Protein backbone atom coordinates (compact mmCIF):
# COMPACT_ATOMS: atom_id res chain seq x y z
CA MET A 1 -38.80 3.70 -25.36
CA PRO A 2 -36.24 4.03 -23.09
CA CYS A 3 -33.34 6.42 -24.03
CA ARG A 4 -30.31 5.01 -26.55
CA PRO A 5 -27.38 4.16 -23.67
CA ARG A 6 -24.52 7.04 -24.44
CA ARG A 7 -20.77 6.76 -23.65
CA TRP A 8 -19.78 9.48 -21.05
CA ARG A 9 -16.10 10.22 -20.31
CA CYS A 10 -14.83 12.32 -16.94
CA SER A 11 -13.26 15.35 -17.06
CA PRO A 12 -10.46 16.00 -14.53
CA LEU A 13 -12.84 18.50 -12.61
CA GLY A 14 -15.68 15.62 -12.57
CA THR A 15 -17.23 17.02 -15.11
CA CYS A 16 -18.98 14.17 -17.35
CA LEU A 17 -19.01 15.02 -20.91
CA ARG A 18 -20.20 12.90 -24.34
CA SER A 19 -17.39 11.10 -25.34
CA SER A 20 -15.86 12.98 -28.71
CA GLY A 21 -12.06 12.46 -28.47
CA CYS A 22 -11.69 9.06 -27.17
CA ALA A 23 -12.26 5.61 -29.20
CA PRO A 24 -14.40 3.08 -28.40
CA THR A 25 -12.54 0.26 -27.19
CA GLY A 26 -13.94 -2.28 -29.64
CA ARG A 27 -14.59 -5.27 -27.22
CA ARG A 28 -18.04 -4.75 -26.92
CA PRO A 29 -21.24 -2.25 -26.61
CA GLY A 30 -20.90 -0.51 -23.30
CA ALA A 31 -17.37 -2.66 -22.57
CA TRP A 32 -15.90 -0.52 -19.75
CA ARG A 33 -12.00 1.81 -20.81
CA TRP A 34 -10.04 4.60 -19.36
CA CYS A 35 -10.34 7.88 -20.34
CA ALA A 36 -6.46 9.29 -20.89
CA ARG A 37 -7.46 12.95 -19.21
CA ALA A 38 -9.79 11.51 -16.31
CA ARG A 39 -7.48 8.17 -15.58
CA ARG A 40 -11.05 7.18 -14.29
CA PRO A 41 -13.69 4.38 -15.80
CA ALA A 42 -16.19 5.76 -18.32
CA CYS A 43 -19.08 4.19 -18.21
CA ARG A 44 -22.62 3.17 -20.28
CA TRP A 45 -24.90 4.14 -17.20
CA PRO A 46 -24.63 6.20 -14.68
CA GLY A 47 -25.90 3.97 -12.14
CA SER A 48 -23.08 1.35 -12.80
CA ASN A 49 -19.76 3.49 -12.20
CA PRO A 50 -18.47 1.75 -9.09
CA SER A 51 -16.43 4.25 -8.52
CA GLY A 52 -19.85 6.07 -7.12
CA HIS A 53 -19.34 9.34 -8.95
CA ARG A 54 -22.85 10.84 -10.66
CA PRO A 55 -22.32 13.34 -13.23
CA ARG A 56 -23.53 16.77 -12.88
CA ALA A 57 -24.64 17.14 -16.57
CA LEU A 58 -26.47 14.03 -16.03
CA ARG A 59 -28.39 15.67 -12.96
CA GLU A 60 -29.16 18.18 -14.67
CA ARG A 61 -30.44 16.67 -17.97
CA SER A 62 -31.81 13.90 -15.89
CA CYS A 63 -33.95 16.52 -14.01
CA ALA A 64 -35.00 18.69 -17.29
CA LYS A 65 -36.20 15.19 -18.39
CA ALA A 66 -38.09 14.12 -15.61
CA ARG A 67 -39.62 17.48 -15.19
CA SER A 68 -40.63 17.19 -18.71
CA GLY A 69 -42.10 13.98 -18.37
CA ARG A 70 -39.45 12.55 -21.09
CA CYS A 71 -38.28 8.93 -20.15
CA CYS A 72 -34.80 8.99 -19.07
CA PRO A 73 -32.01 6.71 -18.30
CA ALA A 74 -31.91 7.90 -14.94
CA ARG A 75 -33.08 6.87 -11.73
CA ARG A 76 -36.78 8.27 -11.27
CA ARG A 77 -37.42 9.85 -7.53
CA CYS A 78 -40.65 8.69 -6.02
CA PRO A 79 -42.45 11.51 -3.99
CA PRO A 80 -42.07 11.01 -0.32
CA ARG A 81 -44.68 8.64 1.42
CA ARG A 82 -46.98 10.99 3.57
CA SER A 83 -48.56 10.01 7.08
CA THR A 84 -50.88 12.33 6.54
CA PRO A 85 -52.82 13.71 3.93
CA ARG A 86 -51.20 16.25 1.56
CA PRO A 87 -51.83 19.87 2.87
CA GLU A 88 -53.73 22.08 0.27
CA ARG A 89 -51.84 24.54 -1.64
CA GLY A 90 -50.57 27.73 -0.21
CA TRP A 91 -50.69 25.87 3.78
CA ARG A 92 -47.47 26.50 6.02
CA VAL A 93 -46.80 24.05 8.41
CA CYS A 94 -45.58 26.38 11.01
CA ALA A 95 -47.12 25.11 14.17
CA GLU A 96 -45.15 25.77 17.55
CA ALA A 97 -46.78 21.75 18.12
CA SER A 98 -44.77 20.51 15.07
CA ARG A 99 -41.75 21.83 16.26
CA LEU A 100 -41.64 20.42 19.49
CA VAL A 101 -42.63 17.09 17.84
CA GLY A 102 -40.25 17.27 15.45
CA PRO A 103 -40.26 15.13 12.00
CA ASN A 104 -38.96 11.66 14.05
CA PRO A 105 -40.10 11.81 17.53
CA ARG A 106 -39.11 9.19 19.83
CA GLY A 107 -40.57 7.18 22.80
CA PRO A 108 -43.55 8.22 24.28
CA LEU A 109 -44.27 11.15 22.01
CA ARG A 110 -44.02 8.68 18.83
CA ALA A 111 -46.44 6.52 19.93
CA CYS A 112 -48.92 9.35 21.16
CA SER A 113 -47.91 10.54 17.72
CA LEU A 114 -48.90 7.30 15.86
CA ALA A 115 -52.03 6.73 17.36
CA VAL A 116 -53.49 10.32 16.50
CA ASN A 117 -52.07 9.88 13.04
CA ASP A 118 -53.54 6.61 12.48
CA CYS A 119 -57.28 8.09 13.78
CA LEU A 120 -57.37 10.89 11.82
CA ASN A 121 -56.15 9.06 8.82
CA ARG A 122 -59.15 6.64 9.24
CA VAL A 123 -61.42 9.21 10.05
CA ILE A 124 -60.82 11.19 6.34
CA GLY A 125 -60.77 7.79 4.96
CA ARG A 126 -64.44 7.33 5.63
CA ALA A 127 -65.57 11.13 5.63
CA GLY A 128 -63.52 12.30 2.79
CA SER A 129 -62.58 15.39 4.15
CA LEU A 130 -62.35 17.27 7.13
CA THR A 131 -63.20 20.73 7.60
CA SER A 132 -61.56 20.91 11.27
CA ILE A 133 -61.39 19.06 14.50
CA VAL A 134 -62.29 19.30 18.39
CA VAL A 135 -59.86 18.62 21.08
CA GLY A 136 -61.23 18.87 24.70
CA LEU A 137 -58.34 19.94 26.37
CA SER A 138 -58.98 20.35 30.37
CA GLY A 139 -54.77 21.12 30.94
CA GLY A 140 -54.09 17.35 32.57
CA ALA A 141 -51.42 15.33 31.10
CA ASP A 142 -53.60 13.09 29.10
CA SER A 143 -55.35 15.76 26.91
CA LEU A 144 -52.11 18.18 26.83
CA ALA A 145 -50.42 15.08 25.11
CA LEU A 146 -53.73 14.47 22.63
CA ALA A 147 -53.79 18.50 22.06
CA LEU A 148 -49.70 18.70 20.82
CA VAL A 149 -49.72 15.42 18.57
CA SER A 150 -53.17 16.67 16.92
CA ILE A 151 -52.22 19.86 16.50
CA ASP A 152 -48.95 18.81 14.55
CA ALA A 153 -50.60 15.69 12.28
CA ALA A 154 -53.32 18.49 11.92
CA ALA A 155 -50.84 21.35 10.67
CA ARG A 156 -49.23 18.98 8.43
CA ALA A 157 -52.45 17.84 6.40
CA GLY A 158 -53.84 21.46 6.78
CA ILE A 159 -56.66 21.24 8.92
CA PRO A 160 -57.69 23.77 11.87
CA VAL A 161 -57.59 22.89 15.30
CA VAL A 162 -59.94 23.85 17.86
CA THR A 163 -59.13 23.13 21.72
CA VAL A 164 -61.99 23.52 24.36
CA THR A 165 -61.03 23.74 27.89
CA VAL A 166 -64.18 23.67 30.12
CA ASP A 167 -64.17 25.80 33.63
CA HIS A 168 -66.54 24.14 35.87
CA GLY A 169 -66.63 27.16 38.46
CA LEU A 170 -66.43 24.36 41.32
CA ARG A 171 -62.82 26.06 42.87
CA ALA A 172 -61.26 29.13 43.09
CA GLY A 173 -58.95 30.29 40.33
CA SER A 174 -60.68 27.38 38.04
CA ASP A 175 -61.30 30.84 35.49
CA GLU A 176 -57.84 31.79 35.24
CA GLU A 177 -56.28 28.46 35.21
CA ALA A 178 -58.88 27.51 31.93
CA ARG A 179 -57.66 30.99 30.62
CA ARG A 180 -53.75 29.44 31.01
CA VAL A 181 -54.31 26.56 28.83
CA ALA A 182 -56.92 27.74 26.61
CA ASP A 183 -53.73 30.38 25.81
CA LEU A 184 -50.77 27.50 26.08
CA ALA A 185 -53.22 25.59 22.74
CA CYS A 186 -53.10 28.71 21.23
CA SER A 187 -49.08 28.74 21.56
CA LEU A 188 -49.27 25.66 20.00
CA GLY A 189 -51.01 26.60 16.98
CA ALA A 190 -54.79 26.28 17.88
CA ARG A 191 -57.44 28.14 18.63
CA GLY A 192 -58.42 27.82 21.76
CA ILE A 193 -61.73 28.72 23.79
CA VAL A 194 -63.08 28.80 27.49
CA GLU A 195 -66.96 27.37 27.95
CA THR A 196 -67.85 28.58 31.45
CA VAL A 197 -70.40 25.73 32.88
CA ARG A 198 -72.24 25.49 35.92
CA VAL A 199 -72.45 22.25 37.94
CA GLY A 200 -73.73 21.26 41.20
CA ARG A 201 -72.15 18.90 43.97
CA THR A 202 -75.33 16.79 44.12
CA GLY A 203 -77.75 15.21 41.58
CA GLY A 204 -78.39 11.51 40.88
CA GLY A 205 -74.54 10.30 39.41
CA GLY A 206 -72.76 12.78 42.08
CA PRO A 207 -70.38 15.44 40.65
CA GLU A 208 -68.51 13.31 38.82
CA ALA A 209 -71.82 12.49 36.56
CA SER A 210 -73.19 16.34 36.04
CA ALA A 211 -69.29 17.36 35.88
CA ARG A 212 -69.03 15.13 32.52
CA GLU A 213 -72.63 16.07 31.15
CA ALA A 214 -72.03 19.37 31.42
CA ARG A 215 -68.19 18.85 29.29
CA ARG A 216 -70.01 16.51 27.31
CA ALA A 217 -72.62 19.39 26.76
CA ALA A 218 -70.13 22.12 25.75
CA LEU A 219 -67.84 19.85 23.57
CA ARG A 220 -71.00 18.82 21.79
CA GLY A 221 -71.95 22.68 21.31
CA VAL A 222 -68.61 23.57 19.43
CA ALA A 223 -68.70 20.25 17.60
CA LEU A 224 -72.15 21.08 16.12
CA CYS A 225 -70.81 24.64 15.34
CA GLU A 226 -67.57 23.78 13.61
CA GLY A 227 -68.70 20.48 12.24
CA ALA A 228 -66.00 18.53 13.43
CA PRO A 229 -65.58 15.34 15.24
CA VAL A 230 -64.03 15.87 19.03
CA LEU A 231 -60.95 13.84 20.21
CA LEU A 232 -61.16 13.13 23.73
CA GLY A 233 -57.65 11.69 25.51
CA HIS A 234 -58.82 8.67 27.57
CA THR A 235 -56.34 6.40 27.90
CA MET A 236 -55.67 2.44 28.73
CA ASP A 237 -56.00 3.11 32.57
CA ASP A 238 -59.54 5.08 32.45
CA GLN A 239 -60.76 2.10 30.09
CA ALA A 240 -59.91 -0.23 32.99
CA GLU A 241 -61.68 1.98 35.60
CA THR A 242 -64.50 2.14 33.67
CA VAL A 243 -64.69 -1.66 33.74
CA LEU A 244 -64.07 -1.97 37.25
CA LEU A 245 -66.70 0.66 37.72
CA ARG A 246 -69.67 -1.19 35.96
CA LEU A 247 -67.95 -4.53 36.99
CA ALA A 248 -69.18 -3.26 41.08
CA ARG A 249 -72.43 -2.43 39.44
CA GLY A 250 -73.07 -5.99 37.79
CA SER A 251 -73.33 -4.84 34.14
CA GLY A 252 -73.71 -7.25 31.11
CA PRO A 253 -71.48 -6.59 27.96
CA SER A 254 -73.06 -4.30 26.60
CA SER A 255 -71.70 -1.62 30.01
CA LEU A 256 -68.91 -3.61 29.86
CA ARG A 257 -67.48 -2.48 26.67
CA ALA A 258 -66.88 0.65 28.73
CA ILE A 259 -65.36 3.17 26.83
CA ALA A 260 -65.45 3.17 22.44
CA PRO A 261 -62.39 4.06 20.59
CA VAL A 262 -65.32 5.52 17.86
CA SER A 263 -68.59 6.78 19.05
CA ARG A 264 -71.39 8.84 17.57
CA ASP A 265 -74.10 10.48 19.59
CA GLY A 266 -77.97 11.10 18.22
CA ASP A 267 -76.62 14.73 17.43
CA GLY A 268 -74.49 13.62 14.96
CA VAL A 269 -71.40 13.93 16.64
CA THR A 270 -68.15 11.68 16.47
CA TRP A 271 -66.38 11.43 19.22
CA LEU A 272 -62.51 9.89 19.12
CA ARG A 273 -60.81 8.26 21.49
CA PRO A 274 -57.16 7.50 19.92
CA LEU A 275 -55.13 7.42 23.13
CA LEU A 276 -57.16 4.25 24.25
CA GLY A 277 -54.45 1.69 23.59
CA LEU A 278 -51.92 3.90 25.85
CA ARG A 279 -51.38 4.47 29.21
CA ARG A 280 -51.01 7.60 31.53
CA GLY A 281 -47.38 6.90 31.54
CA ASP A 282 -47.02 7.70 27.82
CA THR A 283 -49.08 11.35 27.60
CA ALA A 284 -46.70 12.10 31.15
CA GLY A 285 -43.97 10.87 29.17
CA ALA A 286 -44.93 12.82 25.65
CA CYS A 287 -45.83 16.19 27.70
CA GLU A 288 -42.32 15.37 29.55
CA GLN A 289 -40.33 15.47 25.84
CA ALA A 290 -41.91 18.04 24.65
CA GLY A 291 -41.25 20.28 27.73
CA LEU A 292 -44.77 21.33 28.44
CA VAL A 293 -46.28 21.08 32.44
CA PRO A 294 -49.56 19.44 32.64
CA VAL A 295 -51.92 20.86 34.68
CA GLU A 296 -52.84 18.86 38.22
CA ASP A 297 -56.14 18.83 38.43
CA PRO A 298 -57.02 18.70 42.74
CA THR A 299 -60.06 16.89 42.55
CA ASN A 300 -58.33 13.47 40.69
CA ALA A 301 -56.40 13.38 43.79
CA ILE A 302 -57.82 10.56 47.06
CA ASP A 303 -57.89 13.18 49.36
CA GLY A 304 -59.46 16.14 46.81
CA PRO A 305 -62.00 18.48 47.31
CA TRP A 306 -64.43 16.45 45.68
CA ARG A 307 -66.33 13.32 48.19
CA ALA A 308 -69.40 11.46 47.71
CA ALA A 309 -72.34 11.41 49.53
CA ASP A 310 -71.17 9.21 52.16
CA GLY A 311 -68.14 11.44 52.75
CA THR A 312 -65.60 8.65 51.41
CA PRO A 313 -63.22 9.75 48.14
CA LEU A 314 -64.99 9.75 44.46
CA ARG A 315 -65.49 5.96 43.33
CA ARG A 316 -62.88 6.92 40.35
CA CYS A 317 -60.40 8.00 42.78
CA ALA A 318 -60.52 5.41 45.18
CA LEU A 319 -59.79 2.68 42.21
CA ARG A 320 -57.09 5.08 40.74
CA HIS A 321 -55.21 4.79 44.12
CA LEU A 322 -56.61 2.01 46.15
CA ALA A 323 -58.05 -0.56 44.17
CA ILE A 324 -55.98 -0.91 40.87
CA PRO A 325 -52.71 -1.16 42.96
CA ALA A 326 -54.20 -3.23 45.38
CA LEU A 327 -55.33 -5.65 42.94
CA ALA A 328 -51.42 -5.34 41.20
CA SER A 329 -49.86 -6.03 44.49
CA ALA A 330 -52.70 -8.72 45.22
CA LEU A 331 -52.03 -10.42 41.49
CA GLY A 332 -48.60 -9.87 41.02
CA VAL A 333 -49.20 -7.88 37.55
CA ASP A 334 -50.86 -5.05 35.88
CA PRO A 335 -54.93 -5.17 36.03
CA VAL A 336 -55.01 -2.55 33.94
CA PRO A 337 -53.78 -4.64 29.88
CA ALA A 338 -56.10 -7.18 31.40
CA LEU A 339 -59.52 -4.88 31.58
CA ALA A 340 -58.81 -3.29 28.78
CA ARG A 341 -58.94 -6.65 27.13
CA THR A 342 -62.06 -7.33 28.71
CA ALA A 343 -63.57 -4.07 26.86
CA GLU A 344 -63.10 -5.32 24.06
CA LEU A 345 -64.28 -9.14 24.00
CA CYS A 346 -67.45 -7.76 25.74
CA ALA A 347 -67.63 -5.32 22.61
CA ARG A 348 -67.03 -8.16 19.99
CA ASP A 349 -69.60 -10.22 22.31
CA ASP A 350 -72.57 -7.12 22.46
CA ASP A 351 -71.71 -6.60 18.85
CA ALA A 352 -72.63 -10.30 17.66
CA LEU A 353 -75.32 -10.54 20.48
CA SER A 354 -76.98 -7.13 19.29
CA GLU A 355 -76.97 -8.22 16.05
CA TRP A 356 -78.57 -11.39 16.84
CA ALA A 357 -81.12 -9.55 18.69
CA ARG A 358 -82.00 -7.49 15.23
CA GLU A 359 -82.57 -10.38 13.11
CA LEU A 360 -85.18 -11.66 15.86
CA THR A 361 -86.91 -8.43 16.28
CA ARG A 362 -87.26 -8.66 12.29
CA SER A 363 -88.74 -11.89 12.04
CA ALA A 364 -90.60 -11.13 15.36
CA ARG A 365 -92.59 -8.83 13.34
CA GLY A 366 -92.64 -10.33 9.97
CA ASP A 367 -96.17 -11.22 10.13
CA GLU A 368 -98.22 -8.88 8.73
CA ALA A 369 -101.15 -10.03 10.84
CA ARG A 370 -99.59 -9.46 14.11
CA GLN A 371 -99.02 -5.90 13.10
CA ALA A 372 -102.63 -4.72 12.88
CA PRO A 373 -104.36 -3.17 15.71
CA ASP A 374 -104.91 -5.48 18.30
CA PRO A 375 -108.85 -6.34 19.67
CA ALA A 376 -108.98 -3.33 22.01
CA GLY A 377 -107.95 -1.05 19.74
CA GLU A 378 -104.57 0.14 20.85
CA GLY A 379 -101.80 0.28 18.79
CA GLY A 380 -98.38 -0.27 19.18
CA PHE A 381 -95.14 -2.39 18.58
CA ALA A 382 -95.85 -5.90 18.84
CA LEU A 383 -93.65 -8.89 18.70
CA GLY A 384 -94.72 -12.57 18.23
CA VAL A 385 -94.50 -14.56 21.46
CA ARG A 386 -93.25 -17.87 19.14
CA GLU A 387 -90.80 -16.22 17.93
CA LEU A 388 -89.08 -14.83 20.89
CA ALA A 389 -89.60 -17.73 23.07
CA GLY A 390 -87.15 -19.96 20.58
CA ALA A 391 -84.82 -17.61 20.94
CA PRO A 392 -82.09 -17.67 23.95
CA ARG A 393 -82.78 -15.23 26.99
CA ALA A 394 -79.94 -13.17 25.69
CA VAL A 395 -81.12 -12.26 22.94
CA ARG A 396 -84.85 -12.11 23.62
CA THR A 397 -84.22 -9.84 26.72
CA ARG A 398 -81.97 -7.73 23.58
CA ALA A 399 -85.04 -7.75 21.28
CA LEU A 400 -87.62 -6.43 23.81
CA ARG A 401 -85.34 -3.79 25.35
CA GLU A 402 -85.09 -2.47 21.20
CA ALA A 403 -88.83 -2.91 20.73
CA ALA A 404 -89.56 -1.09 23.98
CA SER A 405 -87.46 1.63 22.90
CA ALA A 406 -88.74 1.80 19.49
CA ALA A 407 -92.29 2.15 20.98
CA GLY A 408 -91.14 5.14 22.93
CA VAL A 409 -91.50 3.38 25.78
CA GLY A 410 -88.21 4.51 27.40
CA SER A 411 -84.98 2.35 28.91
CA LEU A 412 -85.81 -0.90 30.59
CA SER A 413 -84.63 -1.48 34.23
CA ARG A 414 -83.45 -5.41 34.85
CA ALA A 415 -86.85 -5.80 36.74
CA ASN A 416 -88.72 -3.99 33.98
CA VAL A 417 -86.79 -6.25 31.24
CA ASP A 418 -87.64 -9.99 33.68
CA ALA A 419 -91.30 -8.86 33.85
CA VAL A 420 -91.86 -8.24 30.52
CA ASP A 421 -89.99 -11.49 29.60
CA ALA A 422 -92.39 -13.34 31.78
CA LEU A 423 -95.19 -12.71 29.31
CA VAL A 424 -93.42 -14.84 26.26
CA VAL A 425 -91.88 -17.78 28.62
CA ALA A 426 -94.16 -17.71 31.89
CA TRP A 427 -97.17 -16.50 31.01
CA ARG A 428 -99.91 -17.15 33.52
CA GLY A 429 -102.66 -14.69 32.69
CA GLN A 430 -100.70 -11.59 34.04
CA GLY A 431 -102.05 -8.15 32.93
CA PRO A 432 -99.80 -5.23 31.89
CA ILE A 433 -96.47 -4.31 32.86
CA ASP A 434 -96.17 -0.76 34.20
CA LEU A 435 -92.88 0.74 32.21
CA PRO A 436 -91.15 4.13 32.44
CA GLY A 437 -92.69 5.39 29.65
CA GLY A 438 -95.68 3.19 29.16
CA SER A 439 -96.52 -0.37 29.02
CA ALA A 440 -96.90 -4.12 27.61
CA ARG A 441 -99.39 -6.77 27.36
CA ARG A 442 -99.81 -10.13 26.37
CA VAL A 443 -102.78 -9.87 23.49
CA GLY A 444 -103.89 -12.90 21.51
CA ARG A 445 -103.80 -16.90 22.05
CA GLY A 446 -101.91 -19.47 20.50
CA ALA A 447 -100.00 -18.92 17.33
CA THR A 448 -101.28 -15.66 17.24
CA ALA A 449 -100.03 -14.60 20.73
CA ARG A 450 -98.06 -11.32 20.54
CA ILE A 451 -96.61 -8.45 23.19
CA VAL A 452 -97.62 -5.24 22.35
CA PHE A 453 -95.55 -1.69 23.64
CA THR A 454 -97.65 0.96 24.21
CA ALA A 455 -96.67 4.18 24.89
CA GLY A 456 -98.21 6.19 27.96
CA HIS A 457 -100.38 4.92 30.53
CA ALA A 458 -101.00 1.33 30.61
CA PRO A 459 -104.62 0.63 29.30
CA ILE A 460 -107.38 -0.31 31.88
CA GLN A 461 -108.43 -4.10 31.89
């Protein structure tokens, strides 16, 4: 029940007391009247005083009643809205990163902070809670801005942060540089870790691929020990470079989706990339606002110490410094947002085609007769030819790749997929098809014909 309205009058000092000496005006309940002492109107409700004066005694009484849970005519105060979950009891927001970011950041720092807060809120909404987070920190502008706003957001939510700096050992002084970056992370409020790895300059994918795999292995190990997701500082510019690299290889939608904002590997580690919607200029501006000086990696320069096998600059460096500026000059527009949009559209198409392919696989395996061992006594993963032949090629080839993976025959190249697809739509008595980890062959005739994937060596006919 709401409290009964009370009449108040104001003293010369501004302290409101219950009216005892002044008589009501006699006009209507709660009507305005003048107090002879204060020479100002006394009011029925605290919020209706046109002079803007809020009585101190009423404030004290209202706060006491609000704390006790009793109703009160005073305005109730709502708890402040938080962009991150409420910290645990006893946690103090004392990280240096929170001081640098501030309570209300502006410009690029605000954009980075909002992106990371939104990412962490989504993760906490799915997982319920986080024990810690791992941030990949190389010392560059992208990872440094990510670490800064991540430490700030996590400190406000009561979540510890672990930064991992990987020393590849490929240039002199890299170990000292990694230690300085880890010390900077500790000064910001995180626990800095340096992981030393050894990578070769040669390999199937070149030095870039070897270093990337070594970094991922180091980050994965820390994430598994901490039981935490990994935050990486990829930006929209990295997304555009990846799309161009895969376009040059003639990739399809599943590859042109490029860098995913959220991914989960086979070990159960979640990889988060909250800055994919921002540019490198945003991360550099955030570091400048906070007064942080990023580390300049010489391997990212066009004339850096790392070169491709043919002596030319590394492919990603060439795209960054030569191809994308040339595209911008030739087209008259910045191609980076358009390339990032292409990756987003390809991701949607790839998800739809993959779901269609899974439905086709379930349909092609639906007949229990087809799951019986074939006449030669060889088991395997079988798909019905009739269902496969009636599906579009884009969906059929995805189903064949999925079946090959389920059978354990390995990843199929384009030539492998074309050869297996010919068993479905261009059957002329071909024998088994050799695959990287097994074989595929067509057995049966007519409506019972099926494609069987078998791990191991192809059977001798």
